[in-house]
Amino acid sequence: MKVEEEAMSAVLNRLRRAQGQLAGVIAMIEAGRDCKDVVTQLAAVSRALDRAGFKIVASGMRQCLAQSEADAPPMSEEELEKLFLALA
């Protein structure tokens, strides 16, 4: 499964945002910041990663459903389910 270019752009933006947030979490821990603040930022990183993963899976589903060419077999329902469960 290859991610569409438009979806890829959104995924990369989300991953870059998560990367920045994760760097912030590391800096907060190193600076001895309050646990509540660290956990709040860590949750934001987790959500950003989840959203990136869901975007990849959703794009794959759209491609799978729209694919009519015989060059690549569409993903099975089982394969798509495994992808969703990997993110859960």
PDB file of N, CA and C in Angstrom:
ATOM      1  N   MET A   1       0.844  -1.174   0.000  1.00  0.00           N
ATOM      2  CA  MET A   1       0.000   0.000   0.000  1.00  0.00           C
ATOM      3  C   MET A   1       0.888   1.235   0.000  1.00  0.00           C
ATOM      4  N   LYS A   2       0.626   2.113  -0.931  1.00  0.00           N
ATOM      5  CA  LYS A   2       1.373   3.360  -1.022  1.00  0.00           C
ATOM      6  C   LYS A   2       0.429   4.504  -0.687  1.00  0.00           C
ATOM      7  N   VAL A   3       0.897   5.421   0.145  1.00  0.00           N
ATOM      8  CA  VAL A   3       0.059   6.540   0.581  1.00  0.00           C
ATOM      9  C   VAL A   3       0.025   7.604  -0.503  1.00  0.00           C
ATOM     10  N   GLU A   4      -1.174   8.141  -0.775  1.00  0.00           N
ATOM     11  CA  GLU A   4      -1.332   9.198  -1.765  1.00  0.00           C
ATOM     12  C   GLU A   4      -0.512  10.418  -1.358  1.00  0.00           C
ATOM     13  N   GLU A   5      -0.113  11.194  -2.354  1.00  0.00           N
ATOM     14  CA  GLU A   5       0.738  12.353  -2.087  1.00  0.00           C
ATOM     15  C   GLU A   5       0.066  13.378  -1.173  1.00  0.00           C
ATOM     16  N   GLU A   6      -1.223  13.624  -1.372  1.00  0.00           N
ATOM     17  CA  GLU A   6      -1.945  14.581  -0.536  1.00  0.00           C
ATOM     18  C   GLU A   6      -1.996  14.097   0.911  1.00  0.00           C
ATOM     19  N   ALA A   7      -2.284  12.819   1.095  1.00  0.00           N
ATOM     20  CA  ALA A   7      -2.325  12.248   2.439  1.00  0.00           C
ATOM     21  C   ALA A   7      -0.929  12.238   3.049  1.00  0.00           C
ATOM     22  N   MET A   8       0.077  11.968   2.222  1.00  0.00           N
ATOM     23  CA  MET A   8       1.456  11.931   2.708  1.00  0.00           C
ATOM     24  C   MET A   8       1.862  13.272   3.289  1.00  0.00           C
ATOM     25  N   SER A   9       1.463  14.349   2.645  1.00  0.00           N
ATOM     26  CA  SER A   9       1.783  15.692   3.129  1.00  0.00           C
ATOM     27  C   SER A   9       1.183  15.913   4.513  1.00  0.00           C
ATOM     28  N   ALA A  10      -0.074  15.533   4.693  1.00  0.00           N
ATOM     29  CA  ALA A  10      -0.731  15.686   5.989  1.00  0.00           C
ATOM     30  C   ALA A  10      -0.063  14.808   7.044  1.00  0.00           C
ATOM     31  N   VAL A  11       0.294  13.592   6.670  1.00  0.00           N
ATOM     32  CA  VAL A  11       0.955  12.676   7.601  1.00  0.00           C
ATOM     33  C   VAL A  11       2.306  13.246   8.025  1.00  0.00           C
ATOM     34  N   LEU A  12       3.077  13.724   7.061  1.00  0.00           N
ATOM     35  CA  LEU A  12       4.393  14.288   7.392  1.00  0.00           C
ATOM     36  C   LEU A  12       4.274  15.505   8.299  1.00  0.00           C
ATOM     37  N   ASN A  13       3.270  16.344   8.074  1.00  0.00           N
ATOM     38  CA  ASN A  13       3.053  17.501   8.953  1.00  0.00           C
ATOM     39  C   ASN A  13       2.747  17.047  10.371  1.00  0.00           C
ATOM     40  N   ARG A  14       1.903  16.049  10.502  1.00  0.00           N
ATOM     41  CA  ARG A  14       1.564  15.537  11.831  1.00  0.00           C
ATOM     42  C   ARG A  14       2.764  14.913  12.512  1.00  0.00           C
ATOM     43  N   LEU A  15       3.570  14.181  11.758  1.00  0.00           N
ATOM     44  CA  LEU A  15       4.753  13.550  12.344  1.00  0.00           C
ATOM     45  C   LEU A  15       5.797  14.593  12.741  1.00  0.00           C
ATOM     46  N   ARG A  16       5.942  15.634  11.948  1.00  0.00           N
ATOM     47  CA  ARG A  16       6.873  16.710  12.319  1.00  0.00           C
ATOM     48  C   ARG A  16       6.407  17.426  13.582  1.00  0.00           C
ATOM     49  N   ARG A  17       5.102  17.637  13.679  1.00  0.00           N
ATOM     50  CA  ARG A  17       4.542  18.259  14.877  1.00  0.00           C
ATOM     51  C   ARG A  17       4.795  17.372  16.093  1.00  0.00           C
ATOM     52  N   ALA A  18       4.572  16.078  15.925  1.00  0.00           N
ATOM     53  CA  ALA A  18       4.813  15.135  17.019  1.00  0.00           C
ATOM     54  C   ALA A  18       6.286  15.118  17.405  1.00  0.00           C
ATOM     55  N   GLN A  19       7.161  15.197  16.422  1.00  0.00           N
ATOM     56  CA  GLN A  19       8.599  15.220  16.686  1.00  0.00           C
ATOM     57  C   GLN A  19       8.962  16.445  17.536  1.00  0.00           C
ATOM     58  N   GLY A  20       8.401  17.582  17.192  1.00  0.00           N
ATOM     59  CA  GLY A  20       8.639  18.798  17.972  1.00  0.00           C
ATOM     60  C   GLY A  20       8.085  18.686  19.377  1.00  0.00           C
ATOM     61  N   GLN A  21       6.886  18.114  19.482  1.00  0.00           N
ATOM     62  CA  GLN A  21       6.286  17.931  20.803  1.00  0.00           C
ATOM     63  C   GLN A  21       7.115  16.971  21.652  1.00  0.00           C
ATOM     64  N   LEU A  22       7.622  15.912  21.035  1.00  0.00           N
ATOM     65  CA  LEU A  22       8.438  14.952  21.767  1.00  0.00           C
ATOM     66  C   LEU A  22       9.735  15.596  22.244  1.00  0.00           C
ATOM     67  N   ALA A  23      10.344  16.425  21.412  1.00  0.00           N
ATOM     68  CA  ALA A  23      11.542  17.155  21.836  1.00  0.00           C
ATOM     69  C   ALA A  23      11.208  18.053  23.030  1.00  0.00           C
ATOM     70  N   GLY A  24      10.014  18.633  22.999  1.00  0.00           N
ATOM     71  CA  GLY A  24       9.575  19.460  24.120  1.00  0.00           C
ATOM     72  C   GLY A  24       9.400  18.652  25.392  1.00  0.00           C
ATOM     73  N   VAL A  25       8.856  17.449  25.259  1.00  0.00           N
ATOM     74  CA  VAL A  25       8.682  16.576  26.426  1.00  0.00           C
ATOM     75  C   VAL A  25      10.040  16.215  27.024  1.00  0.00           C
ATOM     76  N   ILE A  26      10.987  15.883  26.167  1.00  0.00           N
ATOM     77  CA  ILE A  26      12.335  15.543  26.635  1.00  0.00           C
ATOM     78  C   ILE A  26      12.945  16.725  27.384  1.00  0.00           C
ATOM     79  N   ALA A  27      12.808  17.916  26.814  1.00  0.00           N
ATOM     80  CA  ALA A  27      13.343  19.118  27.456  1.00  0.00           C
ATOM     81  C   ALA A  27      12.655  19.364  28.798  1.00  0.00           C
ATOM     82  N   MET A  28      11.346  19.124  28.856  1.00  0.00           N
ATOM     83  CA  MET A  28      10.609  19.318  30.104  1.00  0.00           C
ATOM     84  C   MET A  28      11.114  18.366  31.194  1.00  0.00           C
ATOM     85  N   ILE A  29      11.340  17.120  30.822  1.00  0.00           N
ATOM     86  CA  ILE A  29      11.838  16.138  31.788  1.00  0.00           C
ATOM     87  C   ILE A  29      13.233  16.539  32.264  1.00  0.00           C
ATOM     88  N   GLU A  30      14.084  16.922  31.323  1.00  0.00           N
ATOM     89  CA  GLU A  30      15.448  17.330  31.675  1.00  0.00           C
ATOM     90  C   GLU A  30      15.455  18.561  32.587  1.00  0.00           C
ATOM     91  N   ALA A  31      14.465  19.441  32.409  1.00  0.00           N
ATOM     92  CA  ALA A  31      14.376  20.659  33.216  1.00  0.00           C
ATOM     93  C   ALA A  31      13.666  20.414  34.547  1.00  0.00           C
ATOM     94  N   GLY A  32      13.172  19.190  34.758  1.00  0.00           N
ATOM     95  CA  GLY A  32      12.495  18.875  36.006  1.00  0.00           C
ATOM     96  C   GLY A  32      11.116  19.477  36.136  1.00  0.00           C
ATOM     97  N   ARG A  33      10.441  19.646  35.002  1.00  0.00           N
ATOM     98  CA  ARG A  33       9.090  20.237  35.013  1.00  0.00           C
ATOM     99  C   ARG A  33       8.092  19.342  35.735  1.00  0.00           C
ATOM    100  N   ASP A  34       6.982  19.929  36.092  1.00  0.00           N
ATOM    101  CA  ASP A  34       5.917  19.243  36.814  1.00  0.00           C
ATOM    102  C   ASP A  34       5.409  18.039  36.032  1.00  0.00           C
ATOM    103  N   CYS A  35       5.170  16.943  36.740  1.00  0.00           N
ATOM    104  CA  CYS A  35       4.717  15.690  36.124  1.00  0.00           C
ATOM    105  C   CYS A  35       3.434  15.883  35.320  1.00  0.00           C
ATOM    106  N   LYS A  36       2.517  16.666  35.826  1.00  0.00           N
ATOM    107  CA  LYS A  36       1.241  16.903  35.140  1.00  0.00           C
ATOM    108  C   LYS A  36       1.470  17.542  33.769  1.00  0.00           C
ATOM    109  N   ASP A  37       2.364  18.506  33.705  1.00  0.00           N
ATOM    110  CA  ASP A  37       2.670  19.170  32.435  1.00  0.00           C
ATOM    111  C   ASP A  37       3.320  18.200  31.447  1.00  0.00           C
ATOM    112  N   VAL A  38       4.234  17.369  31.950  1.00  0.00           N
ATOM    113  CA  VAL A  38       4.921  16.402  31.101  1.00  0.00           C
ATOM    114  C   VAL A  38       3.924  15.404  30.527  1.00  0.00           C
ATOM    115  N   VAL A  39       3.044  14.882  31.378  1.00  0.00           N
ATOM    116  CA  VAL A  39       2.068  13.890  30.925  1.00  0.00           C
ATOM    117  C   VAL A  39       1.106  14.512  29.914  1.00  0.00           C
ATOM    118  N   THR A  40       0.708  15.746  30.117  1.00  0.00           N
ATOM    119  CA  THR A  40      -0.187  16.434  29.179  1.00  0.00           C
ATOM    120  C   THR A  40       0.470  16.543  27.798  1.00  0.00           C
ATOM    121  N   GLN A  41       1.734  16.931  27.772  1.00  0.00           N
ATOM    122  CA  GLN A  41       2.446  17.034  26.498  1.00  0.00           C
ATOM    123  C   GLN A  41       2.679  15.664  25.870  1.00  0.00           C
ATOM    124  N   LEU A  42       2.953  14.676  26.684  1.00  0.00           N
ATOM    125  CA  LEU A  42       3.153  13.316  26.175  1.00  0.00           C
ATOM    126  C   LEU A  42       1.863  12.789  25.547  1.00  0.00           C
ATOM    127  N   ALA A  43       0.732  13.105  26.141  1.00  0.00           N
ATOM    128  CA  ALA A  43      -0.559  12.713  25.566  1.00  0.00           C
ATOM    129  C   ALA A  43      -0.768  13.378  24.209  1.00  0.00           C
ATOM    130  N   ALA A  44      -0.339  14.620  24.070  1.00  0.00           N
ATOM    131  CA  ALA A  44      -0.460  15.322  22.780  1.00  0.00           C
ATOM    132  C   ALA A  44       0.396  14.639  21.722  1.00  0.00           C
ATOM    133  N   VAL A  45       1.591  14.197  22.105  1.00  0.00           N
ATOM    134  CA  VAL A  45       2.460  13.478  21.169  1.00  0.00           C
ATOM    135  C   VAL A  45       1.781  12.189  20.728  1.00  0.00           C
ATOM    136  N   SER A  46       1.229  11.485  21.677  1.00  0.00           N
ATOM    137  CA  SER A  46       0.561  10.216  21.381  1.00  0.00           C
ATOM    138  C   SER A  46      -0.606  10.419  20.410  1.00  0.00           C
ATOM    139  N   ARG A  47      -1.412  11.447  20.646  1.00  0.00           N
ATOM    140  CA  ARG A  47      -2.543  11.735  19.749  1.00  0.00           C
ATOM    141  C   ARG A  47      -2.060  12.082  18.345  1.00  0.00           C
ATOM    142  N   ALA A  48      -0.987  12.855  18.260  1.00  0.00           N
ATOM    143  CA  ALA A  48      -0.454  13.227  16.940  1.00  0.00           C
ATOM    144  C   ALA A  48       0.017  11.988  16.182  1.00  0.00           C
ATOM    145  N   LEU A  49       0.676  11.069  16.868  1.00  0.00           N
ATOM    146  CA  LEU A  49       1.120   9.828  16.221  1.00  0.00           C
ATOM    147  C   LEU A  49      -0.067   8.970  15.804  1.00  0.00           C
ATOM    148  N   ASP A  50      -1.076   8.885  16.673  1.00  0.00           N
ATOM    149  CA  ASP A  50      -2.280   8.117  16.329  1.00  0.00           C
ATOM    150  C   ASP A  50      -2.944   8.687  15.082  1.00  0.00           C
ATOM    151  N   ARG A  51      -3.074   9.998  15.043  1.00  0.00           N
ATOM    152  CA  ARG A  51      -3.724  10.639  13.892  1.00  0.00           C
ATOM    153  C   ARG A  51      -2.949  10.386  12.605  1.00  0.00           C
ATOM    154  N   ALA A  52      -1.634  10.404  12.687  1.00  0.00           N
ATOM    155  CA  ALA A  52      -0.822  10.121  11.502  1.00  0.00           C
ATOM    156  C   ALA A  52      -1.056   8.687  11.042  1.00  0.00           C
ATOM    157  N   GLY A  53      -1.080   7.757  11.973  1.00  0.00           N
ATOM    158  CA  GLY A  53      -1.321   6.356  11.629  1.00  0.00           C
ATOM    159  C   GLY A  53      -2.702   6.145  11.040  1.00  0.00           C
ATOM    160  N   PHE A  54      -3.711   6.769  11.638  1.00  0.00           N
ATOM    161  CA  PHE A  54      -5.071   6.624  11.124  1.00  0.00           C
ATOM    162  C   PHE A  54      -5.193   7.214   9.726  1.00  0.00           C
ATOM    163  N   LYS A  55      -4.495   8.307   9.480  1.00  0.00           N
ATOM    164  CA  LYS A  55      -4.529   8.931   8.149  1.00  0.00           C
ATOM    165  C   LYS A  55      -3.933   7.982   7.108  1.00  0.00           C
ATOM    166  N   ILE A  56      -2.838   7.312   7.473  1.00  0.00           N
ATOM    167  CA  ILE A  56      -2.221   6.348   6.565  1.00  0.00           C
ATOM    168  C   ILE A  56      -3.181   5.199   6.275  1.00  0.00           C
ATOM    169  N   VAL A  57      -3.813   4.666   7.310  1.00  0.00           N
ATOM    170  CA  VAL A  57      -4.743   3.549   7.127  1.00  0.00           C
ATOM    171  C   VAL A  57      -5.963   3.992   6.321  1.00  0.00           C
ATOM    172  N   ALA A  58      -6.498   5.176   6.621  1.00  0.00           N
ATOM    173  CA  ALA A  58      -7.672   5.664   5.892  1.00  0.00           C
ATOM    174  C   ALA A  58      -7.349   5.863   4.413  1.00  0.00           C
ATOM    175  N   SER A  59      -6.183   6.402   4.133  1.00  0.00           N
ATOM    176  CA  SER A  59      -5.776   6.590   2.741  1.00  0.00           C
ATOM    177  C   SER A  59      -5.655   5.244   2.043  1.00  0.00           C
ATOM    178  N   GLY A  60      -5.085   4.275   2.746  1.00  0.00           N
ATOM    179  CA  GLY A  60      -4.964   2.929   2.181  1.00  0.00           C
ATOM    180  C   GLY A  60      -6.314   2.306   1.896  1.00  0.00           C
ATOM    181  N   MET A  61      -7.275   2.521   2.793  1.00  0.00           N
ATOM    182  CA  MET A  61      -8.623   1.981   2.575  1.00  0.00           C
ATOM    183  C   MET A  61      -9.252   2.609   1.346  1.00  0.00           C
ATOM    184  N   ARG A  62      -9.096   3.925   1.219  1.00  0.00           N
ATOM    185  CA  ARG A  62      -9.679   4.614   0.072  1.00  0.00           C
ATOM    186  C   ARG A  62      -9.068   4.078  -1.226  1.00  0.00           C
ATOM    187  N   GLN A  63      -7.764   3.903  -1.228  1.00  0.00           N
ATOM    188  CA  GLN A  63      -7.091   3.374  -2.410  1.00  0.00           C
ATOM    189  C   GLN A  63      -7.527   1.945  -2.683  1.00  0.00           C
ATOM    190  N   CYS A  64      -7.656   1.178  -1.623  1.00  0.00           N
ATOM    191  CA  CYS A  64      -8.042  -0.218  -1.769  1.00  0.00           C
ATOM    192  C   CYS A  64      -9.440  -0.340  -2.379  1.00  0.00           C
ATOM    193  N   LEU A  65     -10.358   0.502  -1.918  1.00  0.00           N
ATOM    194  CA  LEU A  65     -11.723   0.450  -2.417  1.00  0.00           C
ATOM    195  C   LEU A  65     -11.833   0.994  -3.839  1.00  0.00           C
ATOM    196  N   ALA A  66     -10.986   1.964  -4.179  1.00  0.00           N
ATOM    197  CA  ALA A  66     -11.073   2.591  -5.488  1.00  0.00           C
ATOM    198  C   ALA A  66     -10.224   1.887  -6.540  1.00  0.00           C
ATOM    199  N   GLN A  67      -9.357   1.019  -6.108  1.00  0.00           N
ATOM    200  CA  GLN A  67      -8.412   0.391  -7.039  1.00  0.00           C
ATOM    201  C   GLN A  67      -9.132  -0.580  -7.969  1.00  0.00           C
ATOM    202  N   SER A  68      -8.968  -0.343  -9.236  1.00  0.00           N
ATOM    203  CA  SER A  68      -9.596  -1.232 -10.214  1.00  0.00           C
ATOM    204  C   SER A  68      -8.561  -1.873 -11.120  1.00  0.00           C
ATOM    205  N   GLU A  69      -7.311  -1.469 -10.947  1.00  0.00           N
ATOM    206  CA  GLU A  69      -6.248  -2.023 -11.781  1.00  0.00           C
ATOM    207  C   GLU A  69      -5.781  -3.348 -11.201  1.00  0.00           C
ATOM    208  N   ALA A  70      -5.263  -4.205 -12.057  1.00  0.00           N
ATOM    209  CA  ALA A  70      -4.815  -5.525 -11.622  1.00  0.00           C
ATOM    210  C   ALA A  70      -3.336  -5.540 -11.240  1.00  0.00           C
ATOM    211  N   ASP A  71      -2.661  -4.393 -11.289  1.00  0.00           N
ATOM    212  CA  ASP A  71      -1.220  -4.375 -11.009  1.00  0.00           C
ATOM    213  C   ASP A  71      -0.889  -4.638  -9.545  1.00  0.00           C
ATOM    214  N   ALA A  72      -1.794  -4.337  -8.643  1.00  0.00           N
ATOM    215  CA  ALA A  72      -1.570  -4.594  -7.224  1.00  0.00           C
ATOM    216  C   ALA A  72      -2.871  -5.088  -6.606  1.00  0.00           C
ATOM    217  N   PRO A  73      -2.829  -6.232  -5.948  1.00  0.00           N
ATOM    218  CA  PRO A  73      -4.071  -6.741  -5.358  1.00  0.00           C
ATOM    219  C   PRO A  73      -4.522  -5.852  -4.204  1.00  0.00           C
ATOM    220  N   PRO A  74      -5.815  -5.626  -4.078  1.00  0.00           N
ATOM    221  CA  PRO A  74      -6.303  -4.797  -2.976  1.00  0.00           C
ATOM    222  C   PRO A  74      -6.080  -5.514  -1.643  1.00  0.00           C
ATOM    223  N   MET A  75      -5.976  -4.739  -0.587  1.00  0.00           N
ATOM    224  CA  MET A  75      -5.807  -5.321   0.741  1.00  0.00           C
ATOM    225  C   MET A  75      -7.095  -6.016   1.154  1.00  0.00           C
ATOM    226  N   SER A  76      -6.940  -7.121   1.834  1.00  0.00           N
ATOM    227  CA  SER A  76      -8.112  -7.841   2.315  1.00  0.00           C
ATOM    228  C   SER A  76      -8.666  -7.147   3.562  1.00  0.00           C
ATOM    229  N   GLU A  77      -9.875  -7.478   3.912  1.00  0.00           N
ATOM    230  CA  GLU A  77     -10.489  -6.932   5.119  1.00  0.00           C
ATOM    231  C   GLU A  77      -9.656  -7.313   6.344  1.00  0.00           C
ATOM    232  N   GLU A  78      -9.126  -8.507   6.336  1.00  0.00           N
ATOM    233  CA  GLU A  78      -8.281  -8.983   7.431  1.00  0.00           C
ATOM    234  C   GLU A  78      -7.015  -8.132   7.571  1.00  0.00           C
ATOM    235  N   GLU A  79      -6.392  -7.807   6.443  1.00  0.00           N
ATOM    236  CA  GLU A  79      -5.185  -6.974   6.466  1.00  0.00           C
ATOM    237  C   GLU A  79      -5.491  -5.571   6.986  1.00  0.00           C
ATOM    238  N   LEU A  80      -6.618  -5.001   6.550  1.00  0.00           N
ATOM    239  CA  LEU A  80      -7.012  -3.680   7.030  1.00  0.00           C
ATOM    240  C   LEU A  80      -7.312  -3.714   8.522  1.00  0.00           C
ATOM    241  N   GLU A  81      -7.974  -4.751   8.968  1.00  0.00           N
ATOM    242  CA  GLU A  81      -8.281  -4.884  10.391  1.00  0.00           C
ATOM    243  C   GLU A  81      -6.990  -4.951  11.211  1.00  0.00           C
ATOM    244  N   LYS A  82      -6.002  -5.693  10.728  1.00  0.00           N
ATOM    245  CA  LYS A  82      -4.719  -5.784  11.431  1.00  0.00           C
ATOM    246  C   LYS A  82      -4.053  -4.416  11.546  1.00  0.00           C
ATOM    247  N   LEU A  83      -4.157  -3.622  10.490  1.00  0.00           N
ATOM    248  CA  LEU A  83      -3.577  -2.288  10.535  1.00  0.00           C
ATOM    249  C   LEU A  83      -4.256  -1.428  11.602  1.00  0.00           C
ATOM    250  N   PHE A  84      -5.571  -1.473  11.644  1.00  0.00           N
ATOM    251  CA  PHE A  84      -6.297  -0.706  12.665  1.00  0.00           C
ATOM    252  C   PHE A  84      -5.935  -1.185  14.068  1.00  0.00           C
ATOM    253  N   LEU A  85      -5.884  -2.491  14.263  1.00  0.00           N
ATOM    254  CA  LEU A  85      -5.565  -3.037  15.569  1.00  0.00           C
ATOM    255  C   LEU A  85      -4.142  -2.704  15.996  1.00  0.00           C
ATOM    256  N   ALA A  86      -3.251  -2.565  15.044  1.00  0.00           N
ATOM    257  CA  ALA A  86      -1.873  -2.196  15.377  1.00  0.00           C
ATOM    258  C   ALA A  86      -1.805  -0.793  15.987  1.00  0.00           C
ATOM    259  N   LEU A  87      -2.760   0.052  15.645  1.00  0.00           N
ATOM    260  CA  LEU A  87      -2.802   1.405  16.181  1.00  0.00           C
ATOM    261  C   LEU A  87      -3.585   1.512  17.488  1.00  0.00           C
ATOM    262  N   ALA A  88      -4.364   0.487  17.788  1.00  0.00           N
ATOM    263  CA  ALA A  88      -5.218   0.528  18.994  1.00  0.00           C
ATOM    264  C   ALA A  88      -4.429   0.301  20.260  1.00  0.00           C
TER     265      ALA A  88
END
